[in-house]
Amino acid sequence: MPEIKIETAPFDARFPNSNQSKHCWQSYVDYHKCVNARGEEFKPCGEFKKMYNSLCPTSWITKWEEEREEGKLPFKVTIK
């Protein structure tokens, strides 16, 4: 059986408080902007995904994914 490594998001000085909601949201936004700019195969983008999956409640991620697909999220990931 392969060894399972459990990790959590590392400390980010931009979000020093115990409430990690902003860190969660920013990681979600950064991931999608990174993927749009560099593609899903660009490994550093995956770090943002690991962080938001670690910090954000699943219900938030599900809601944001639905809103993103419908074009209703309050941020744009397109680069011009």
N, C-alpha and C. Protein backbone atom coordinates (compact mmCIF):
# COMPACT_ATOMS: atom_id res chain seq x y z
N MET A 1 0.85 -1.17 0.00
CA MET A 1 0.00 0.00 0.00
C MET A 1 0.90 1.24 0.00
N PRO A 2 0.64 2.22 -0.89
CA PRO A 2 1.49 3.41 -0.94
C PRO A 2 1.31 4.29 0.29
N GLU A 3 2.39 4.96 0.67
CA GLU A 3 2.33 5.85 1.83
C GLU A 3 1.55 7.12 1.45
N ILE A 4 0.68 7.55 2.34
CA ILE A 4 -0.11 8.75 2.11
C ILE A 4 0.51 9.89 2.91
N LYS A 5 0.81 10.98 2.21
CA LYS A 5 1.38 12.15 2.86
C LYS A 5 0.31 13.22 2.98
N ILE A 6 0.00 13.60 4.21
CA ILE A 6 -1.02 14.62 4.47
C ILE A 6 -0.31 15.95 4.73
N GLU A 7 -0.72 16.96 3.97
CA GLU A 7 -0.11 18.29 4.11
C GLU A 7 -1.21 19.33 4.26
N THR A 8 -0.84 20.45 4.84
CA THR A 8 -1.74 21.59 4.91
C THR A 8 -1.02 22.77 4.28
N ALA A 9 -1.75 23.84 4.04
CA ALA A 9 -1.16 25.01 3.42
C ALA A 9 -0.07 25.60 4.31
N PRO A 10 1.04 26.04 3.73
CA PRO A 10 2.09 26.65 4.53
C PRO A 10 1.70 28.05 4.99
N PHE A 11 2.44 28.58 5.93
CA PHE A 11 2.18 29.92 6.44
C PHE A 11 2.35 30.94 5.32
N ASP A 12 1.45 31.90 5.26
CA ASP A 12 1.52 33.00 4.29
C ASP A 12 1.41 34.29 5.09
N ALA A 13 2.46 35.12 5.06
CA ALA A 13 2.51 36.34 5.86
C ALA A 13 1.41 37.34 5.49
N ARG A 14 0.83 37.20 4.31
CA ARG A 14 -0.27 38.10 3.92
C ARG A 14 -1.52 37.83 4.74
N PHE A 15 -1.61 36.65 5.36
CA PHE A 15 -2.80 36.25 6.11
C PHE A 15 -2.38 35.74 7.49
N PRO A 16 -1.93 36.66 8.37
CA PRO A 16 -1.37 36.21 9.65
C PRO A 16 -2.41 35.80 10.69
N ASN A 17 -3.66 36.15 10.50
CA ASN A 17 -4.68 35.85 11.50
C ASN A 17 -5.13 34.40 11.41
N SER A 18 -5.81 33.96 12.44
CA SER A 18 -6.26 32.57 12.46
C SER A 18 -7.40 32.31 11.47
N ASN A 19 -8.18 33.34 11.12
CA ASN A 19 -9.25 33.18 10.14
C ASN A 19 -8.61 33.13 8.75
N GLN A 20 -8.72 32.01 8.09
CA GLN A 20 -8.05 31.80 6.81
C GLN A 20 -8.97 31.97 5.60
N SER A 21 -10.12 32.61 5.78
CA SER A 21 -11.08 32.79 4.69
C SER A 21 -10.47 33.55 3.52
N LYS A 22 -9.77 34.64 3.81
CA LYS A 22 -9.16 35.43 2.73
C LYS A 22 -8.07 34.64 2.02
N HIS A 23 -7.29 33.89 2.78
CA HIS A 23 -6.24 33.05 2.19
C HIS A 23 -6.86 32.00 1.29
N CYS A 24 -7.96 31.42 1.73
CA CYS A 24 -8.70 30.44 0.95
C CYS A 24 -9.13 31.05 -0.39
N TRP A 25 -9.82 32.19 -0.32
CA TRP A 25 -10.33 32.86 -1.52
C TRP A 25 -9.19 33.26 -2.46
N GLN A 26 -8.13 33.85 -1.91
CA GLN A 26 -7.02 34.31 -2.75
C GLN A 26 -6.33 33.13 -3.44
N SER A 27 -6.20 32.02 -2.76
CA SER A 27 -5.59 30.84 -3.37
C SER A 27 -6.45 30.31 -4.52
N TYR A 28 -7.77 30.35 -4.34
CA TYR A 28 -8.69 29.92 -5.40
C TYR A 28 -8.54 30.82 -6.63
N VAL A 29 -8.53 32.14 -6.40
CA VAL A 29 -8.38 33.10 -7.50
C VAL A 29 -7.02 32.93 -8.17
N ASP A 30 -5.96 32.84 -7.37
CA ASP A 30 -4.61 32.70 -7.92
C ASP A 30 -4.47 31.43 -8.76
N TYR A 31 -5.08 30.35 -8.32
CA TYR A 31 -5.02 29.10 -9.09
C TYR A 31 -5.62 29.30 -10.48
N HIS A 32 -6.81 29.86 -10.54
CA HIS A 32 -7.47 30.01 -11.83
C HIS A 32 -6.76 31.01 -12.73
N LYS A 33 -6.21 32.06 -12.16
CA LYS A 33 -5.43 33.00 -12.96
C LYS A 33 -4.16 32.34 -13.49
N CYS A 34 -3.52 31.54 -12.66
CA CYS A 34 -2.31 30.83 -13.05
C CYS A 34 -2.59 29.85 -14.18
N VAL A 35 -3.65 29.07 -14.03
CA VAL A 35 -4.01 28.09 -15.06
C VAL A 35 -4.34 28.79 -16.37
N ASN A 36 -5.03 29.91 -16.28
CA ASN A 36 -5.36 30.64 -17.50
C ASN A 36 -4.11 31.18 -18.19
N ALA A 37 -3.14 31.61 -17.40
CA ALA A 37 -1.92 32.18 -17.96
C ALA A 37 -0.93 31.12 -18.42
N ARG A 38 -0.81 30.01 -17.67
CA ARG A 38 0.25 29.04 -17.93
C ARG A 38 -0.23 27.63 -18.28
N GLY A 39 -1.49 27.32 -18.00
CA GLY A 39 -2.00 25.99 -18.27
C GLY A 39 -1.95 25.10 -17.04
N GLU A 40 -2.78 24.07 -17.05
CA GLU A 40 -2.87 23.17 -15.90
C GLU A 40 -1.62 22.35 -15.66
N GLU A 41 -0.81 22.16 -16.67
CA GLU A 41 0.41 21.36 -16.52
C GLU A 41 1.52 22.13 -15.81
N PHE A 42 1.38 23.45 -15.66
CA PHE A 42 2.39 24.27 -14.99
C PHE A 42 2.33 23.97 -13.50
N LYS A 43 3.35 23.28 -12.99
CA LYS A 43 3.32 22.75 -11.62
C LYS A 43 3.08 23.78 -10.53
N PRO A 44 3.64 24.99 -10.59
CA PRO A 44 3.36 25.96 -9.52
C PRO A 44 1.87 26.27 -9.35
N CYS A 45 1.08 26.15 -10.41
CA CYS A 45 -0.37 26.38 -10.27
C CYS A 45 -0.97 25.37 -9.29
N GLY A 46 -0.46 24.16 -9.31
CA GLY A 46 -0.96 23.12 -8.43
C GLY A 46 -0.82 23.45 -6.96
N GLU A 47 0.19 24.26 -6.61
CA GLU A 47 0.37 24.66 -5.22
C GLU A 47 -0.82 25.50 -4.74
N PHE A 48 -1.32 26.39 -5.60
CA PHE A 48 -2.49 27.18 -5.24
C PHE A 48 -3.71 26.27 -5.03
N LYS A 49 -3.82 25.25 -5.90
CA LYS A 49 -4.95 24.33 -5.78
C LYS A 49 -4.87 23.54 -4.47
N LYS A 50 -3.68 23.08 -4.13
CA LYS A 50 -3.51 22.36 -2.86
C LYS A 50 -3.89 23.25 -1.69
N MET A 51 -3.51 24.54 -1.76
CA MET A 51 -3.83 25.45 -0.67
C MET A 51 -5.33 25.66 -0.54
N TYR A 52 -6.00 25.96 -1.66
CA TYR A 52 -7.44 26.23 -1.51
C TYR A 52 -8.20 24.97 -1.15
N ASN A 53 -7.76 23.81 -1.61
CA ASN A 53 -8.42 22.57 -1.21
C ASN A 53 -8.20 22.26 0.27
N SER A 54 -7.08 22.72 0.80
CA SER A 54 -6.79 22.51 2.21
C SER A 54 -7.53 23.50 3.11
N LEU A 55 -7.66 24.73 2.63
CA LEU A 55 -8.21 25.80 3.47
C LEU A 55 -9.71 26.03 3.32
N CYS A 56 -10.27 25.77 2.16
CA CYS A 56 -11.66 26.13 1.87
C CYS A 56 -12.63 24.98 2.15
N PRO A 57 -13.79 25.29 2.69
CA PRO A 57 -14.83 24.27 2.80
C PRO A 57 -15.26 23.81 1.40
N THR A 58 -15.53 22.54 1.26
CA THR A 58 -15.93 21.98 -0.03
C THR A 58 -17.16 22.68 -0.60
N SER A 59 -18.08 23.07 0.26
CA SER A 59 -19.29 23.74 -0.22
C SER A 59 -18.96 25.08 -0.88
N TRP A 60 -17.95 25.79 -0.38
CA TRP A 60 -17.54 27.05 -1.01
C TRP A 60 -16.96 26.79 -2.39
N ILE A 61 -16.09 25.79 -2.48
CA ILE A 61 -15.45 25.48 -3.76
C ILE A 61 -16.51 25.09 -4.79
N THR A 62 -17.45 24.26 -4.39
CA THR A 62 -18.52 23.84 -5.29
C THR A 62 -19.31 25.05 -5.78
N LYS A 63 -19.66 25.94 -4.87
CA LYS A 63 -20.41 27.15 -5.22
C LYS A 63 -19.60 28.02 -6.18
N TRP A 64 -18.33 28.22 -5.90
CA TRP A 64 -17.49 29.06 -6.76
C TRP A 64 -17.31 28.44 -8.14
N GLU A 65 -17.18 27.12 -8.20
CA GLU A 65 -17.04 26.45 -9.50
C GLU A 65 -18.29 26.67 -10.35
N GLU A 66 -19.45 26.54 -9.72
CA GLU A 66 -20.71 26.78 -10.44
C GLU A 66 -20.79 28.23 -10.92
N GLU A 67 -20.44 29.17 -10.03
CA GLU A 67 -20.48 30.58 -10.40
C GLU A 67 -19.47 30.90 -11.50
N ARG A 68 -18.30 30.28 -11.44
CA ARG A 68 -17.27 30.51 -12.46
C ARG A 68 -17.75 30.02 -13.82
N GLU A 69 -18.35 28.84 -13.84
CA GLU A 69 -18.87 28.28 -15.09
C GLU A 69 -19.99 29.14 -15.68
N GLU A 70 -20.76 29.78 -14.80
CA GLU A 70 -21.86 30.63 -15.25
C GLU A 70 -21.41 32.07 -15.52
N GLY A 71 -20.13 32.37 -15.27
CA GLY A 71 -19.62 33.72 -15.47
C GLY A 71 -20.07 34.71 -14.42
N LYS A 72 -20.39 34.23 -13.22
CA LYS A 72 -20.93 35.09 -12.15
C LYS A 72 -19.93 35.38 -11.03
N LEU A 73 -18.72 34.87 -11.13
CA LEU A 73 -17.75 35.14 -10.08
C LEU A 73 -17.30 36.59 -10.15
N PRO A 74 -16.99 37.21 -9.00
CA PRO A 74 -16.59 38.62 -9.01
C PRO A 74 -15.14 38.88 -9.40
N PHE A 75 -14.53 38.00 -10.16
CA PHE A 75 -13.18 38.24 -10.68
C PHE A 75 -13.09 37.66 -12.08
N LYS A 76 -12.18 38.19 -12.87
CA LYS A 76 -11.97 37.71 -14.22
C LYS A 76 -10.63 37.00 -14.27
N VAL A 77 -10.57 35.88 -14.97
CA VAL A 77 -9.32 35.14 -15.11
C VAL A 77 -8.76 35.26 -16.52
N THR A 78 -9.43 35.95 -17.38
CA THR A 78 -8.94 36.09 -18.75
C THR A 78 -7.83 37.12 -18.79
N ILE A 79 -6.84 36.89 -19.64
CA ILE A 79 -5.70 37.78 -19.79
C ILE A 79 -5.79 38.42 -21.17
N LYS A 80 -5.68 39.72 -21.20
CA LYS A 80 -5.75 40.44 -22.48
C LYS A 80 -4.46 41.14 -22.77
